[in-house]
């Protein structure tokens, strides 16, 4: 194979990666907008060196009750956000306490969810301090 063919294929693959990344960012932004309409949004992520990563989005009312939850798992551009109905109706305080009660090894499996919960709890604490 000539070097020009190799470079041409490499360029084409890079273009496909740019298009795929653009599509994934559009899906992410649409999911955040969708959940933001329901309440404050907490975002958590778990990146792995090898294997599928995870992003968790939570929409929460000011009382801490979860209105909607979505999770995206995967390592390709084909990964989509999917609802997590078992979290809806619960509170971020209860979810956080359940995760923190798990053994450390199990907690690591729920890092994205715990990050989203902690981000929301920090936000609500900061808002409460501003009101005082």
Protein backbone atom coordinates (compact mmCIF):
# COMPACT_ATOMS: atom_id res chain seq x y z
CA UNK A 1 0.00 0.00 0.00
CA UNK A 2 1.34 3.38 -0.90
CA UNK A 3 1.81 6.07 1.68
CA UNK A 4 -0.82 8.27 0.00
CA UNK A 5 -3.44 5.52 0.36
CA UNK A 6 -2.50 5.06 3.99
CA UNK A 7 -2.71 8.80 4.67
CA UNK A 8 -6.02 9.01 2.81
CA UNK A 9 -7.53 6.22 4.93
CA UNK A 10 -6.15 7.82 8.10
CA UNK A 11 -7.69 11.17 7.14
CA UNK A 12 -11.05 9.52 6.43
CA UNK A 13 -11.03 7.79 9.83
CA UNK A 14 -10.24 11.06 11.55
CA UNK A 15 -13.15 12.74 9.74
CA UNK A 16 -15.48 9.92 10.85
CA UNK A 17 -14.31 10.41 14.43
CA UNK A 18 -15.08 14.14 14.25
CA UNK A 19 -18.57 13.44 12.90
CA UNK A 20 -19.21 10.79 15.55
CA UNK A 21 -18.05 13.08 18.34
CA UNK A 22 -20.31 15.85 17.05
CA UNK A 23 -23.30 13.48 17.07
CA UNK A 24 -22.55 12.36 20.62
CA UNK A 25 -22.20 15.94 21.88
CA UNK A 26 -25.56 16.82 20.30
CA UNK A 27 -27.21 13.88 22.10
CA UNK A 28 -25.60 14.90 25.40
CA UNK A 29 -26.78 18.51 25.09
CA UNK A 30 -30.31 17.39 24.15
CA UNK A 31 -30.47 15.12 27.20
CA UNK A 32 -29.28 17.90 29.53
CA UNK A 33 -31.88 20.31 28.07
CA UNK A 34 -34.61 17.69 28.41
CA UNK A 35 -33.82 17.08 32.07
CA UNK A 36 -33.20 20.75 32.87
CA UNK A 37 -36.84 21.43 32.03
CA UNK A 38 -37.76 19.17 34.99
CA UNK A 39 -35.44 20.68 37.61
CA UNK A 40 -31.85 21.21 38.64
CA UNK A 41 -29.50 18.88 36.77
CA UNK A 42 -26.66 16.92 38.34
CA UNK A 43 -24.11 15.30 36.06
CA UNK A 44 -21.73 12.53 37.02
CA UNK A 45 -19.25 10.56 34.97
CA UNK A 46 -17.07 7.52 35.31
CA UNK A 47 -14.23 7.11 32.88
CA UNK A 48 -12.28 3.92 32.52
CA UNK A 49 -8.91 3.45 30.88
CA UNK A 50 -10.24 0.41 29.05
CA UNK A 51 -13.89 -0.51 28.77
CA UNK A 52 -17.17 1.34 28.73
CA UNK A 53 -17.52 4.67 30.51
CA UNK A 54 -20.71 6.05 32.00
CA UNK A 55 -22.51 9.39 32.31
CA UNK A 56 -25.45 9.88 34.68
CA UNK A 57 -27.87 12.83 34.53
CA UNK A 58 -30.31 13.56 37.36
CA UNK A 59 -33.15 16.12 37.32
CA UNK A 60 -34.07 17.10 40.87
CA UNK A 61 -36.58 19.43 42.52
CA UNK A 62 -35.38 21.83 45.22
CA UNK A 63 -36.51 19.37 47.93
CA UNK A 64 -34.06 16.77 46.59
CA UNK A 65 -36.63 14.48 44.96
CA UNK A 66 -35.46 12.93 41.72
CA UNK A 67 -37.81 13.77 38.84
CA UNK A 68 -35.88 12.01 36.08
CA UNK A 69 -32.66 10.04 35.69
CA UNK A 70 -30.81 8.98 32.56
CA UNK A 71 -27.64 6.98 32.04
CA UNK A 72 -25.39 6.53 29.04
CA UNK A 73 -22.99 3.61 29.06
CA UNK A 74 -20.66 2.62 26.31
CA UNK A 75 -17.51 3.39 24.46
CA UNK A 76 -18.80 4.05 20.97
CA UNK A 77 -20.72 6.82 19.30
CA UNK A 78 -23.76 4.51 19.28
CA UNK A 79 -24.26 4.80 23.06
CA UNK A 80 -27.51 6.58 23.97
CA UNK A 81 -29.04 8.00 27.14
CA UNK A 82 -31.58 5.62 28.64
CA UNK A 83 -34.02 6.32 31.49
CA UNK A 84 -33.28 4.93 34.95
CA UNK A 85 -36.82 4.62 36.36
CA UNK A 86 -35.75 2.98 39.65
CA UNK A 87 -34.28 6.31 40.80
CA UNK A 88 -37.34 8.46 40.03
CA UNK A 89 -39.27 9.45 43.16
CA UNK A 90 -36.32 8.80 45.47
CA UNK A 91 -34.27 11.62 47.01
CA UNK A 92 -30.63 12.39 46.34
CA UNK A 93 -29.95 12.10 50.07
CA UNK A 94 -31.28 8.53 50.20
CA UNK A 95 -29.49 7.49 47.01
CA UNK A 96 -26.21 8.97 48.26
CA UNK A 97 -26.57 7.25 51.65
CA UNK A 98 -27.30 3.88 49.98
CA UNK A 99 -24.21 4.14 47.79
CA UNK A 100 -21.96 5.26 50.66
CA UNK A 101 -23.20 2.31 52.76
CA UNK A 102 -21.84 -0.11 50.16
CA UNK A 103 -18.34 -1.59 50.43
CA UNK A 104 -15.71 0.58 48.73
CA UNK A 105 -15.34 -1.88 45.85
CA UNK A 106 -19.09 -1.68 45.14
CA UNK A 107 -19.10 2.12 45.50
CA UNK A 108 -16.67 2.36 42.59
CA UNK A 109 -19.28 0.76 40.32
CA UNK A 110 -21.66 3.65 41.10
CA UNK A 111 -19.15 6.51 40.83
CA UNK A 112 -21.05 8.36 38.09
CA UNK A 113 -24.29 8.29 40.08
CA UNK A 114 -22.53 9.33 43.28
CA UNK A 115 -20.82 12.23 41.43
CA UNK A 116 -24.19 13.49 40.18
CA UNK A 117 -25.72 13.22 43.66
CA UNK A 118 -22.77 15.00 45.30
CA UNK A 119 -22.84 17.78 42.70
CA UNK A 120 -26.52 18.43 43.41
CA UNK A 121 -26.03 18.31 47.17
CA UNK A 122 -23.18 20.86 46.93
CA UNK A 123 -25.35 23.08 44.75
CA UNK A 124 -28.27 23.00 47.19
CA UNK A 125 -25.92 23.68 50.14
CA UNK A 126 -24.40 26.69 48.35
CA UNK A 127 -27.87 28.05 47.51
CA UNK A 128 -28.93 27.63 51.14
CA UNK A 129 -25.85 29.54 52.34
CA UNK A 130 -26.57 32.38 49.91
CA UNK A 131 -30.10 32.73 51.30
CA UNK A 132 -28.82 33.12 54.87
